[in-house]
């Protein structure tokens, strides 16, 4: 007899039904899961990485420090709409270590090698093909560095060696020696020889000064002119002009002492000593005004100075010690109104809430609390973001300042545009706004040059014929068309970049061209009259220095012309601001009038 009871006749069909239902549910789930896994793997293999994530990772990589890589990264960030504020300062710092190429002049004909020479004033470049033909003739060209055009090219009998050329009113004059005699060759503005004279034995020739090779400026040295080192590229064809002032926006503000201060906008400089306040232009050093502010005595000393944002007022804090036992000292101050030329006195410490005692500062925070500039060891300048204090880049100030003396003080001015650096008895002004905008300036220059090239290569549309002739002016000449000048935007941008690198003669010439554009075309960029005036004053100072070093170079006339042009610009700008009584234009007009009437 069996021990287990017999199974129910319904148990087996029910179990089969349950198993079949489970299979019907599980099999589709398994197939769906397997399909999803296959599709997910294929999608993962075919998915491209997020470009913004990759670009962000590249921006966060601070190990990239060369100009070429940072420039490409900056272009990618601009194209994708990513913030480039920190990258712009990194690119500016990298420019301080790698001199920027401000001029790149291709040869008139690429089939030859070329020997380059710069004119005495540095505006023109003369290219002569190598070698000469059997008759001693060469292909020669004259290039205007300011206008960026070849004035002429011709085949001429040309000496193998000659002095630096002179260019007067587009006429080229070359002096050279042959067979023990000196000659002068004169070439007209259209490239024809107009005179060949024999010079007397007593004539003074100035030999060319070729600078020594420098690894910082790759190529064969040609000349140093107006803050630019010109070299011939290794291909012996292209002329390159490197910036000798490698850190953009850094300018020499001259010697000073503990009581030298600057206005909040960085335009004016004040020196208080011996009872007088001397007001001068912060960039050119031109003395604008001297004011007798207090009676100078041996027992009165200056304890601090404080200038307003626009330089309209200056407070000088004084301390006078009286004799006797016990010694008695009195704190007092004088307030100088620069525009009105008046002086008022105040006694007691209650009248001196902003008393300034100069201290040694190694860190400077921008007024918007976004940036920190700190003096690093070995004369370095560290650029950091706030509030994280993350270091973006570091600049070697010894290379930028041209001296290994330590920088002992750094501070932002009130407006936040300029940073004051003190190196011993000398002050330097760093245009922080120019530093932050330098990368954008270079990018705009590249885009503008590309647009000009595309416009030149595009087929020109045929202009409809005019039924009436073009009107003439009073002198009988047709009016100058804006198309006869170089394109306005590249000219203005190049002038701004040259001014940032302290190449003032070239900046002055380009600003003159930009001013001609502005006079002919209302759409052309406007010119800052103060920058234009300063450029001519600094160019005149550079030519005067060169004329004193070499009187035979013929640059004394260029220095005088620069002074005259600066005065003319000051007069025009002052008259244009005559009817604007706003406080801003009042001090700008005061500044321009001070430059106009200043003694050279």
Protein backbone atom coordinates (compact mmCIF):
# COMPACT_ATOMS: atom_id res chain seq x y z
CA UNK A 1 0.00 0.00 0.00
CA UNK A 2 1.56 3.33 -1.00
CA UNK A 3 2.60 5.75 1.70
CA UNK A 4 1.86 9.03 -0.30
CA UNK A 5 -1.61 9.91 -1.33
CA UNK A 6 -2.33 10.04 -5.01
CA UNK A 7 -2.00 13.48 -6.66
CA UNK A 8 -5.02 15.41 -7.70
CA UNK A 9 -5.86 15.22 -11.39
CA UNK A 10 -5.85 19.08 -11.56
CA UNK A 11 -2.35 19.68 -10.04
CA UNK A 12 -0.29 18.95 -13.14
CA UNK A 13 -2.23 21.10 -15.63
CA UNK A 14 -2.20 23.98 -13.13
CA UNK A 15 1.56 23.80 -12.70
CA UNK A 16 2.05 23.73 -16.42
CA UNK A 17 -0.18 26.74 -16.82
CA UNK A 18 1.75 28.70 -14.18
CA UNK A 19 5.09 27.85 -15.78
CA UNK A 20 3.81 28.80 -19.21
CA UNK A 21 2.59 32.18 -17.93
CA UNK A 22 5.89 32.85 -16.21
CA UNK A 23 7.71 32.00 -19.43
CA UNK A 24 5.46 34.30 -21.43
CA UNK A 25 6.32 37.17 -19.07
CA UNK A 26 10.02 36.45 -18.50
CA UNK A 27 11.08 35.81 -22.09
CA UNK A 28 10.00 39.25 -23.44
CA UNK A 29 11.62 40.93 -20.42
CA UNK A 30 14.88 39.12 -21.02
CA UNK A 31 14.78 39.89 -24.73
CA UNK A 32 14.01 43.55 -24.04
CA UNK A 33 16.83 43.84 -21.52
CA UNK A 34 19.27 42.20 -23.91
CA UNK A 35 18.19 44.56 -26.72
CA UNK A 36 18.55 47.59 -24.48
CA UNK A 37 22.05 46.51 -23.50
CA UNK A 38 23.00 46.12 -27.15
CA UNK A 39 21.59 49.51 -28.07
CA UNK A 40 23.25 51.20 -25.09
CA UNK A 41 26.64 49.77 -26.01
CA UNK A 42 26.28 50.87 -29.62
CA UNK A 43 25.20 54.34 -28.52
CA UNK A 44 28.13 54.58 -26.13
CA UNK A 45 30.51 53.56 -28.89
CA UNK A 46 29.07 56.09 -31.38
CA UNK A 47 28.50 58.99 -28.96
CA UNK A 48 30.81 62.02 -29.49
CA UNK A 49 32.16 63.79 -26.39
CA UNK A 50 30.55 67.04 -25.31
CA UNK A 51 32.59 69.86 -26.96
CA UNK A 52 31.80 72.33 -24.19
CA UNK A 53 33.00 69.90 -21.54
CA UNK A 54 36.21 69.32 -23.47
CA UNK A 55 36.72 73.07 -23.94
CA UNK A 56 36.08 73.70 -20.25
CA UNK A 57 38.69 71.11 -19.34
CA UNK A 58 41.17 72.80 -21.66
CA UNK A 59 40.44 76.17 -20.10
CA UNK A 60 41.07 74.78 -16.63
CA UNK A 61 44.47 73.39 -17.66
CA UNK A 62 46.92 76.00 -16.37
CA UNK A 63 49.95 74.13 -17.70
CA UNK A 64 49.40 75.68 -21.15
CA UNK A 65 51.52 78.86 -21.15
CA UNK A 66 52.76 79.51 -24.69
CA UNK A 67 51.19 82.24 -26.79
CA UNK A 68 50.33 80.04 -29.78
CA UNK A 69 48.36 77.47 -27.75
CA UNK A 70 46.62 80.12 -25.67
CA UNK A 71 45.68 82.09 -28.79
CA UNK A 72 44.08 79.03 -30.36
CA UNK A 73 42.26 78.26 -27.13
CA UNK A 74 41.05 81.86 -26.90
CA UNK A 75 39.69 81.69 -30.45
CA UNK A 76 37.84 78.44 -29.68
CA UNK A 77 36.36 79.93 -26.53
CA UNK A 78 35.18 83.06 -28.35
CA UNK A 79 33.66 80.95 -31.13
CA UNK A 80 31.70 78.80 -28.66
CA UNK A 81 30.56 81.69 -26.50
CA UNK A 82 32.56 80.64 -23.43
CA UNK A 83 33.83 83.28 -21.01
CA UNK A 84 37.43 84.27 -21.81
CA UNK A 85 38.11 86.68 -18.95
CA UNK A 86 40.65 84.52 -17.14
CA UNK A 87 42.15 83.24 -20.38
CA UNK A 88 42.73 86.82 -21.58
CA UNK A 89 44.96 87.55 -18.58
CA UNK A 90 46.85 84.28 -19.11
CA UNK A 91 47.48 85.27 -22.72
CA UNK A 92 48.63 88.74 -21.63
CA UNK A 93 51.07 87.21 -19.14
CA UNK A 94 52.40 84.83 -21.81
CA UNK A 95 53.01 87.81 -24.12
CA UNK A 96 55.37 89.22 -21.50
CA UNK A 97 57.61 86.17 -21.91
CA UNK A 98 57.38 85.91 -25.72
CA UNK A 99 57.90 89.23 -27.58
CA UNK A 100 55.00 90.03 -29.88
CA UNK A 101 55.51 90.48 -33.62
CA UNK A 102 54.13 93.95 -34.38
CA UNK A 103 55.33 94.16 -37.99
CA UNK A 104 55.49 91.43 -40.61
CA UNK A 105 56.51 92.77 -44.03
CA UNK A 106 56.62 90.28 -46.90
CA UNK A 107 59.12 90.97 -49.70
CA UNK A 108 57.94 92.69 -52.89
CA UNK A 109 58.90 89.59 -54.89
CA UNK A 110 59.25 86.15 -53.27
CA UNK A 111 61.69 84.90 -55.92
CA UNK A 112 64.74 86.54 -54.25
CA UNK A 113 66.44 86.83 -50.94
CA UNK A 114 66.37 90.37 -49.58
CA UNK A 115 68.56 92.67 -47.52
CA UNK A 116 66.57 95.10 -45.35
CA UNK A 117 67.44 98.53 -43.94
CA UNK A 118 65.39 100.95 -41.84
CA UNK A 119 65.27 104.69 -42.34
CA UNK A 120 66.69 106.97 -39.67
CA UNK A 121 63.30 107.70 -38.14
CA UNK A 122 62.16 104.07 -38.50
CA UNK A 123 59.06 104.75 -40.58
CA UNK A 124 60.33 103.34 -43.88
CA UNK A 125 62.01 100.07 -44.80
CA UNK A 126 64.24 99.62 -47.84
CA UNK A 127 64.53 96.15 -49.37
CA UNK A 128 67.25 95.22 -51.87
CA UNK A 129 67.30 91.87 -53.67
CA UNK A 130 70.25 89.49 -53.35
CA UNK A 131 72.37 89.06 -55.35
CA UNK A 132 72.85 91.85 -57.92
CA UNK A 133 72.92 91.12 -61.66
CA UNK A 134 76.05 91.41 -63.81
CA UNK A 135 75.50 95.17 -64.22
CA UNK A 136 75.27 95.73 -60.46
CA UNK A 137 71.52 96.34 -60.52
CA UNK A 138 69.03 95.05 -57.98
CA UNK A 139 65.33 95.04 -57.37
CA UNK A 140 64.78 97.71 -54.72
CA UNK A 141 61.60 98.73 -52.89
CA UNK A 142 60.54 101.36 -50.36
CA UNK A 143 57.91 100.32 -47.82
CA UNK A 144 55.88 102.62 -45.55
CA UNK A 145 55.50 100.82 -42.22
CA UNK A 146 52.76 103.18 -41.02
CA UNK A 147 50.56 102.94 -44.11
CA UNK A 148 51.47 99.29 -44.71
CA UNK A 149 52.10 99.72 -48.44
CA UNK A 150 54.97 99.56 -50.92
CA UNK A 151 55.55 103.06 -52.24
CA UNK A 152 57.55 101.84 -55.20
CA UNK A 153 59.67 98.98 -56.50
CA UNK A 154 62.25 99.38 -59.27
CA UNK A 155 65.42 97.92 -60.74
CA UNK A 156 68.27 100.27 -59.85
CA UNK A 157 72.07 100.24 -59.63
CA UNK A 158 72.43 99.69 -55.92
CA UNK A 159 75.52 99.61 -53.66
CA UNK A 160 76.35 96.42 -51.83
CA UNK A 161 76.79 98.33 -48.53
CA UNK A 162 75.45 101.73 -47.49
CA UNK A 163 74.47 103.78 -44.44
CA UNK A 164 70.98 103.84 -43.01
CA UNK A 165 68.86 105.75 -45.54
CA UNK A 166 67.12 109.09 -45.08
CA UNK A 167 63.56 109.65 -46.28
CA UNK A 168 62.32 113.22 -46.70
CA UNK A 169 58.91 113.89 -48.27
CA UNK A 170 58.98 110.37 -49.79
CA UNK A 171 62.42 111.04 -51.32
CA UNK A 172 65.04 108.42 -50.52
CA UNK A 173 68.64 109.47 -49.87
CA UNK A 174 71.36 106.84 -49.51
CA UNK A 175 75.01 107.49 -48.67
CA UNK A 176 77.69 104.95 -49.46
CA UNK A 177 81.42 104.62 -50.13
CA UNK A 178 83.14 103.17 -53.19
CA UNK A 179 86.79 103.25 -54.23
CA UNK A 180 87.69 105.48 -51.30
CA UNK A 181 85.09 108.16 -52.14
CA UNK A 182 81.72 108.99 -50.64
CA UNK A 183 78.56 109.29 -52.71
CA UNK A 184 74.92 110.28 -52.13
CA UNK A 185 72.17 108.68 -54.18
CA UNK A 186 68.77 110.39 -54.34
CA UNK A 187 65.63 108.60 -55.55
CA UNK A 188 62.34 110.32 -56.37
CA UNK A 189 58.95 109.27 -54.91
CA UNK A 190 58.22 107.24 -58.05
CA UNK A 191 61.42 105.17 -57.82
CA UNK A 192 63.70 106.98 -60.30
CA UNK A 193 67.26 108.15 -59.64
CA UNK A 194 67.27 111.94 -59.69
CA UNK A 195 70.78 112.69 -58.43
CA UNK A 196 74.13 111.02 -57.77
CA UNK A 197 76.54 113.37 -56.00
CA UNK A 198 80.09 113.04 -54.81
CA UNK A 199 80.44 114.09 -51.18
CA UNK A 200 83.40 116.16 -49.99
CA UNK A 201 85.99 114.50 -47.84
CA UNK A 202 84.91 116.54 -44.81
CA UNK A 203 81.32 115.30 -44.95
CA UNK A 204 80.12 113.37 -41.94
CA UNK A 205 78.79 109.89 -42.53
CA UNK A 206 76.93 107.98 -39.84
CA UNK A 207 77.64 104.27 -40.11
CA UNK A 208 74.81 101.85 -39.54
CA UNK A 209 74.51 100.34 -36.08
CA UNK A 210 73.46 96.70 -36.27
CA UNK A 211 72.33 95.33 -32.88
CA UNK A 212 73.83 92.16 -31.53
CA UNK A 213 71.87 88.93 -32.05
CA UNK A 214 69.41 88.10 -29.29
CA UNK A 215 67.76 84.73 -28.79
CA UNK A 216 64.56 86.50 -27.72
CA UNK A 217 64.23 87.94 -31.25
CA UNK A 218 64.84 85.07 -33.72
CA UNK A 219 66.38 86.18 -37.00
CA UNK A 220 69.18 88.32 -38.40
CA UNK A 221 69.25 91.72 -36.64
CA UNK A 222 68.54 94.76 -38.81
CA UNK A 223 67.98 97.74 -36.49
CA UNK A 224 66.43 99.00 -33.26
CA UNK A 225 63.91 101.74 -33.95
CA UNK A 226 61.45 103.42 -31.57
CA UNK A 227 60.91 100.45 -29.28
CA UNK A 228 60.91 97.84 -32.07
CA UNK A 229 63.63 95.28 -32.83
CA UNK A 230 63.63 94.61 -36.58
CA UNK A 231 65.10 91.36 -37.84
CA UNK A 232 65.13 89.42 -41.08
CA UNK A 233 63.32 86.10 -40.80
CA UNK A 234 65.36 82.92 -41.27
CA UNK A 235 64.02 82.64 -44.83
CA UNK A 236 65.96 85.87 -45.69
CA UNK A 237 62.80 87.36 -47.16
CA UNK A 238 60.38 88.64 -44.53
CA UNK A 239 61.05 91.62 -42.25
CA UNK A 240 59.81 91.13 -38.68
CA UNK A 241 59.38 93.79 -36.02
CA UNK A 242 59.37 92.55 -32.41
CA UNK A 243 58.15 94.63 -29.46
CA UNK A 244 61.01 95.50 -27.13
CA UNK A 245 58.51 96.50 -24.44
CA UNK A 246 57.10 93.02 -24.20
CA UNK A 247 54.44 93.51 -21.50
CA UNK A 248 51.47 95.42 -22.97
CA UNK A 249 50.10 98.31 -20.93
CA UNK A 250 53.17 98.84 -18.71
CA UNK A 251 54.59 102.37 -18.88
CA UNK A 252 57.38 104.21 -17.08
CA UNK A 253 55.97 106.96 -14.84
CA UNK A 254 59.36 108.43 -13.92
CA UNK A 255 61.24 108.86 -10.64
CA UNK A 256 59.48 109.83 -7.43
CA UNK A 257 59.53 109.59 -3.65
CA UNK A 258 57.29 108.72 -0.72
CA UNK A 259 55.01 111.68 -1.45
CA UNK A 260 54.39 110.98 -5.13
CA UNK A 261 50.78 110.11 -5.85
CA UNK A 262 48.49 109.74 -8.85
CA UNK A 263 44.92 110.73 -9.58
CA UNK A 264 42.32 107.98 -9.38
CA UNK A 265 42.07 107.73 -13.18
CA UNK A 266 45.86 107.49 -13.56
CA UNK A 267 46.21 110.51 -15.86
CA UNK A 268 47.80 113.03 -13.49
CA UNK A 269 50.75 112.78 -11.16
CA UNK A 270 51.38 114.91 -8.05
CA UNK A 271 54.65 115.59 -6.23
CA UNK A 272 54.55 117.52 -2.96
CA UNK A 273 57.84 118.86 -1.57
CA UNK A 274 59.39 122.08 -0.25
CA UNK A 275 56.07 123.91 -0.06
CA UNK A 276 55.10 123.31 -3.66
CA UNK A 277 52.84 120.89 -5.48
CA UNK A 278 53.99 119.89 -8.96
CA UNK A 279 51.30 118.57 -11.27
CA UNK A 280 52.42 116.65 -14.35
CA UNK A 281 51.16 114.24 -16.98
CA UNK A 282 51.63 110.70 -15.67
CA UNK A 283 52.76 109.26 -19.01
CA UNK A 284 54.82 111.97 -20.71
CA UNK A 285 56.14 113.63 -17.53
CA UNK A 286 55.19 117.07 -18.91
CA UNK A 287 54.82 119.57 -16.06
CA UNK A 288 51.35 121.09 -16.27
CA UNK A 289 51.32 123.35 -13.21
CA UNK A 290 53.30 124.30 -10.10
CA UNK A 291 51.38 125.63 -7.10
CA UNK A 292 52.82 127.15 -3.90
CA UNK A 293 50.67 125.34 -1.35
CA UNK A 294 52.27 126.11 2.03
CA UNK A 295 55.15 128.02 3.52
CA UNK A 296 58.18 125.80 3.54
CA UNK A 297 60.04 125.60 6.83
CA UNK A 298 62.57 123.16 8.21
CA UNK A 299 60.21 122.02 10.98
CA UNK A 300 57.32 121.11 8.63
CA UNK A 301 57.26 117.75 6.88
CA UNK A 302 54.83 116.04 4.55
CA UNK A 303 53.19 112.99 6.09
CA UNK A 304 50.88 111.95 3.25
CA UNK A 305 49.07 112.91 0.06
CA UNK A 306 45.69 111.99 -1.35
CA UNK A 307 44.34 112.85 -4.82
CA UNK A 308 40.74 112.73 -6.01
CA UNK A 309 39.48 110.44 -8.76
CA UNK A 310 39.85 113.00 -11.59
CA UNK A 311 42.73 114.95 -10.06
CA UNK A 312 40.65 118.08 -9.43
CA UNK A 313 41.70 118.15 -5.76
CA UNK A 314 44.79 117.14 -3.83
CA UNK A 315 45.10 116.93 -0.05
CA UNK A 316 48.58 117.26 1.44
CA UNK A 317 48.90 116.24 5.10
CA UNK A 318 51.60 118.03 7.09
CA UNK A 319 53.14 117.94 10.54
CA UNK A 320 54.89 120.88 12.17
CA UNK A 321 57.14 120.42 15.20
CA UNK A 322 57.58 123.35 17.60
CA UNK A 323 60.50 123.73 19.95
CA UNK A 324 60.44 123.79 23.68
CA UNK A 325 60.01 121.33 26.48
CA UNK A 326 57.98 119.24 26.06
CA UNK A 327 58.00 119.19 22.25
CA UNK A 328 54.74 120.20 20.62
CA UNK A 329 53.60 118.92 17.19
CA UNK A 330 50.59 119.96 15.16
CA UNK A 331 48.94 118.04 12.34
CA UNK A 332 47.36 120.08 9.60
CA UNK A 333 46.62 119.83 5.89
CA UNK A 334 46.21 121.87 2.74
CA UNK A 335 43.75 121.14 -0.06
CA UNK A 336 44.77 122.23 -3.54
CA UNK A 337 42.14 122.79 -6.23
CA UNK A 338 44.10 122.14 -9.41
CA UNK A 339 41.51 123.54 -11.81
CA UNK A 340 40.98 126.81 -9.91
CA UNK A 341 44.54 127.02 -8.57
CA UNK A 342 43.33 127.79 -5.01
CA UNK A 343 44.67 126.49 -1.70
CA UNK A 344 42.79 126.06 1.59
CA UNK A 345 44.20 125.01 4.98
CA UNK A 346 42.70 122.88 7.75
CA UNK A 347 44.09 122.29 11.25
CA UNK A 348 43.56 119.44 13.65
CA UNK A 349 43.25 115.69 13.16
CA UNK A 350 39.46 115.93 12.91
CA UNK A 351 39.86 117.46 9.46
CA UNK A 352 42.00 114.52 8.23
CA UNK A 353 39.74 111.46 8.06
CA UNK A 354 41.56 110.11 4.98
CA UNK A 355 45.10 110.71 6.12
CA UNK A 356 47.41 108.61 3.96
CA UNK A 357 50.59 107.07 5.34
CA UNK A 358 52.43 105.12 2.65
CA UNK A 359 53.18 101.57 3.61
CA UNK A 360 54.84 98.73 1.75
CA UNK A 361 52.09 96.73 0.07
CA UNK A 362 52.77 93.38 -1.58
CA UNK A 363 49.18 92.71 -2.66
CA UNK A 364 46.62 94.78 -4.56
CA UNK A 365 42.90 93.96 -4.85
CA UNK A 366 40.86 95.44 -7.68
CA UNK A 367 37.98 97.73 -6.63
CA UNK A 368 35.43 95.16 -7.85
CA UNK A 369 37.06 92.47 -5.63
CA UNK A 370 37.51 90.17 -8.62
CA UNK A 371 41.30 90.18 -9.05
CA UNK A 372 44.34 89.97 -6.82
CA UNK A 373 47.80 91.07 -7.96
CA UNK A 374 50.57 89.96 -5.63
CA UNK A 375 54.32 90.47 -5.68
CA UNK A 376 55.89 87.02 -5.84
CA UNK A 377 59.47 86.02 -5.02
CA UNK A 378 62.22 86.73 -7.56
CA UNK A 379 60.43 89.82 -8.87
CA UNK A 380 57.37 87.99 -10.08
CA UNK A 381 53.83 89.30 -10.39
CA UNK A 382 51.13 86.76 -9.57
CA UNK A 383 47.65 87.10 -11.09
CA UNK A 384 44.91 85.48 -8.99
CA UNK A 385 41.14 85.32 -9.00
CA UNK A 386 39.04 86.14 -5.97
CA UNK A 387 37.70 84.87 -3.66
CA UNK A 388 39.45 81.55 -4.40
CA UNK A 389 42.92 83.20 -4.70
CA UNK A 390 43.70 80.75 -7.48
CA UNK A 391 46.85 81.75 -9.38
CA UNK A 392 46.22 82.02 -13.11
CA UNK A 393 49.65 83.13 -14.30
CA UNK A 394 52.87 84.77 -13.22
CA UNK A 395 54.83 87.53 -14.93
CA UNK A 396 58.56 88.15 -14.62
CA UNK A 397 58.82 91.83 -13.83
CA UNK A 398 62.59 91.95 -14.25
CA UNK A 399 62.14 91.21 -17.97
CA UNK A 400 59.30 93.70 -18.33
CA UNK A 401 60.98 96.52 -16.37
CA UNK A 402 64.47 95.93 -17.72
CA UNK A 403 65.94 95.89 -14.21
CA UNK A 404 66.47 93.28 -11.53
CA UNK A 405 65.81 95.76 -8.70
CA UNK A 406 62.95 94.47 -6.54
CA UNK A 407 59.47 95.93 -6.78
CA UNK A 408 58.53 96.96 -3.26
CA UNK A 409 55.02 98.40 -3.56
CA UNK A 410 51.89 97.71 -5.60
CA UNK A 411 48.43 99.28 -5.44
CA UNK A 412 45.31 99.80 -7.54
CA UNK A 413 44.24 103.38 -8.15
CA UNK A 414 40.75 104.46 -7.18
CA UNK A 415 39.14 104.00 -10.59
CA UNK A 416 40.55 100.48 -10.93
CA UNK A 417 42.02 100.93 -14.38
CA UNK A 418 45.67 101.44 -13.40
CA UNK A 419 48.05 99.69 -11.03
CA UNK A 420 51.00 101.59 -9.54
CA UNK A 421 54.27 99.70 -9.10
CA UNK A 422 57.25 101.13 -7.24
CA UNK A 423 60.76 99.94 -7.97
CA UNK A 424 63.16 101.82 -5.74
CA UNK A 425 62.90 105.50 -6.70
CA UNK A 426 60.99 104.81 -9.94
CA UNK A 427 57.27 104.38 -10.53
CA UNK A 428 55.52 102.32 -13.17
CA UNK A 429 51.89 102.42 -14.30
CA UNK A 430 50.19 99.24 -15.48
CA UNK A 431 47.01 99.76 -17.49
CA UNK A 432 45.06 96.81 -16.15
CA UNK A 433 42.16 97.45 -18.52
CA UNK A 434 44.57 97.22 -21.47
CA UNK A 435 45.99 94.00 -20.00
CA UNK A 436 42.53 92.44 -19.71
CA UNK A 437 41.57 93.56 -23.21
CA UNK A 438 44.82 92.77 -25.02
CA UNK A 439 43.74 89.31 -26.17
CA UNK A 440 40.48 90.72 -27.52
CA UNK A 441 42.44 93.46 -29.30
CA UNK A 442 44.64 90.91 -31.07
CA UNK A 443 41.58 88.82 -31.98
CA UNK A 444 39.81 91.87 -33.44
CA UNK A 445 42.94 92.73 -35.43
CA UNK A 446 43.00 89.24 -36.95
CA UNK A 447 39.30 89.39 -37.82
CA UNK A 448 39.64 92.88 -39.29
CA UNK A 449 42.65 91.92 -41.41
CA UNK A 450 40.79 88.85 -42.67
CA UNK A 451 37.77 90.97 -43.60
CA UNK A 452 39.97 93.41 -45.50
CA UNK A 453 41.68 90.59 -47.42
CA UNK A 454 38.34 89.06 -48.32
CA UNK A 455 37.04 92.43 -49.50
CA UNK A 456 40.14 92.93 -51.64
CA UNK A 457 39.92 89.50 -53.26
CA UNK A 458 36.16 89.64 -53.88
CA UNK A 459 35.16 90.69 -57.40
CA UNK A 460 34.31 94.36 -57.48
CA UNK A 461 30.88 95.34 -58.75
CA UNK A 462 30.84 97.69 -61.68
CA UNK A 463 29.91 101.17 -60.55
CA UNK A 464 27.27 102.98 -62.62
CA UNK A 465 28.57 105.71 -64.85
CA UNK A 466 28.12 109.24 -63.51
CA UNK A 467 26.48 111.73 -65.78
CA UNK A 468 27.99 114.72 -63.97
CA UNK A 469 31.73 115.01 -63.30
CA UNK A 470 33.02 114.73 -59.73
CA UNK A 471 33.10 118.19 -58.09
CA UNK A 472 36.43 119.75 -57.26
CA UNK A 473 37.45 121.69 -54.18
CA UNK A 474 38.73 125.26 -54.05
CA UNK A 475 42.26 124.25 -55.05
CA UNK A 476 41.08 122.46 -58.19
CA UNK A 477 41.67 118.94 -56.89
CA UNK A 478 39.09 116.21 -56.59
CA UNK A 479 38.20 115.49 -52.94
CA UNK A 480 40.03 112.58 -51.35
CA UNK A 481 37.96 109.43 -51.11
CA UNK A 482 38.14 107.29 -47.98
CA UNK A 483 39.05 104.38 -50.25
CA UNK A 484 42.35 106.11 -51.06
CA UNK A 485 43.49 105.52 -47.46
CA UNK A 486 44.13 102.22 -45.69
CA UNK A 487 41.07 100.59 -44.14
CA UNK A 488 40.09 102.50 -40.97
CA UNK A 489 39.51 99.66 -38.52
CA UNK A 490 42.90 97.91 -38.97
CA UNK A 491 44.67 101.27 -38.70
CA UNK A 492 42.98 102.17 -35.40
CA UNK A 493 43.53 98.68 -33.95
CA UNK A 494 47.21 98.65 -34.92
CA UNK A 495 47.66 102.07 -33.34
CA UNK A 496 46.11 100.82 -30.11
CA UNK A 497 48.39 97.79 -30.02
CA UNK A 498 51.52 99.81 -30.75
CA UNK A 499 50.58 102.24 -27.97
CA UNK A 500 50.17 99.31 -25.58
CA UNK A 501 53.75 98.22 -26.38
CA UNK A 502 55.11 101.81 -25.99
CA UNK A 503 56.09 102.10 -29.68
CA UNK A 504 54.98 105.73 -29.65
CA UNK A 505 56.31 107.08 -32.98
CA UNK A 506 54.55 104.31 -34.88
CA UNK A 507 51.40 104.78 -32.79
CA UNK A 508 51.47 108.52 -33.55
CA UNK A 509 51.76 107.95 -37.32
CA UNK A 510 48.91 105.45 -37.32
CA UNK A 511 46.75 107.72 -35.18
CA UNK A 512 47.31 110.46 -37.75
CA UNK A 513 46.01 108.12 -40.46
CA UNK A 514 43.05 107.15 -38.28
CA UNK A 515 42.29 110.84 -37.70
CA UNK A 516 42.24 111.39 -41.48
CA UNK A 517 39.72 108.57 -41.75
CA UNK A 518 37.58 110.09 -39.01
CA UNK A 519 37.57 113.45 -40.79
CA UNK A 520 36.45 111.87 -44.08
CA UNK A 521 34.07 109.17 -42.88
CA UNK A 522 31.74 109.45 -39.90
CA UNK A 523 31.65 105.64 -39.63
CA UNK A 524 35.39 105.40 -38.98
CA UNK A 525 36.59 104.91 -35.36
CA UNK A 526 36.99 108.10 -33.34
CA UNK A 527 40.39 109.07 -31.95
CA UNK A 528 41.04 109.86 -28.29
CA UNK A 529 42.62 113.36 -28.43
CA UNK A 530 44.58 112.85 -25.21
CA UNK A 531 46.09 109.58 -26.45
CA UNK A 532 46.85 111.21 -29.80
CA UNK A 533 48.59 114.14 -28.10
CA UNK A 534 50.55 111.92 -25.74
CA UNK A 535 51.72 109.75 -28.63
CA UNK A 536 53.16 112.75 -30.45
CA UNK A 537 54.81 114.11 -27.30
CA UNK A 538 56.44 110.76 -26.54
CA UNK A 539 57.47 110.35 -30.19
CA UNK A 540 59.05 113.82 -30.09
CA UNK A 541 60.89 112.89 -26.89
CA UNK A 542 62.20 109.71 -28.57
CA UNK A 543 63.42 111.62 -31.63
CA UNK A 544 64.99 114.29 -29.43
CA UNK A 545 66.89 111.59 -27.52
CA UNK A 546 68.14 110.08 -30.78
CA UNK A 547 69.07 113.52 -32.15
CA UNK A 548 71.14 114.28 -29.05
CA UNK A 549 72.93 110.94 -29.33
CA UNK A 550 73.61 111.42 -33.06
CA UNK A 551 73.20 115.02 -34.31
CA UNK A 552 73.93 113.94 -37.88
CA UNK A 553 70.92 111.61 -37.97
CA UNK A 554 68.64 114.50 -38.90
CA UNK A 555 65.97 113.75 -36.30
CA UNK A 556 65.90 117.15 -34.58
CA UNK A 557 63.40 118.35 -37.18
CA UNK A 558 61.19 115.30 -36.52
CA UNK A 559 61.25 116.08 -32.78
CA UNK A 560 60.22 119.69 -33.39
CA UNK A 561 57.47 118.57 -35.77
CA UNK A 562 56.13 116.18 -33.13
CA UNK A 563 55.96 118.96 -30.55
CA UNK A 564 54.19 121.23 -33.01
CA UNK A 565 51.69 118.55 -33.97
CA UNK A 566 50.94 117.83 -30.31
CA UNK A 567 50.20 121.49 -29.64
CA UNK A 568 47.94 121.65 -32.67
CA UNK A 569 46.00 118.61 -31.46
CA UNK A 570 45.66 120.10 -27.97
CA UNK A 571 44.30 123.35 -29.39
CA UNK A 572 41.74 121.59 -31.59
CA UNK A 573 40.57 119.28 -28.81
CA UNK A 574 40.33 122.14 -26.29
CA UNK A 575 38.18 124.18 -28.65
CA UNK A 576 35.95 121.19 -29.26
CA UNK A 577 35.34 120.85 -25.49
CA UNK A 578 34.86 124.57 -24.89
CA UNK A 579 31.06 124.43 -24.64
CA UNK A 580 30.83 121.27 -22.55
CA UNK A 581 30.83 122.28 -18.87
CA UNK A 582 30.64 118.77 -17.39
CA UNK A 583 33.13 117.90 -14.65
CA UNK A 584 34.69 115.13 -16.75
CA UNK A 585 35.35 117.35 -19.76
CA UNK A 586 36.44 120.18 -17.49
CA UNK A 587 39.43 118.20 -16.21
CA UNK A 588 40.11 116.76 -19.68
CA UNK A 589 40.18 120.30 -21.05
CA UNK A 590 42.44 121.37 -18.18
CA UNK A 591 44.79 118.51 -19.00
CA UNK A 592 44.93 119.36 -22.70
CA UNK A 593 45.45 123.06 -22.02
CA UNK A 594 48.26 122.23 -19.64
CA UNK A 595 49.96 120.19 -22.37
CA UNK A 596 49.36 123.03 -24.84
CA UNK A 597 51.03 125.73 -22.76
CA UNK A 598 53.71 123.55 -21.14
CA UNK A 599 57.32 124.39 -21.78
CA UNK A 600 58.97 121.75 -23.98
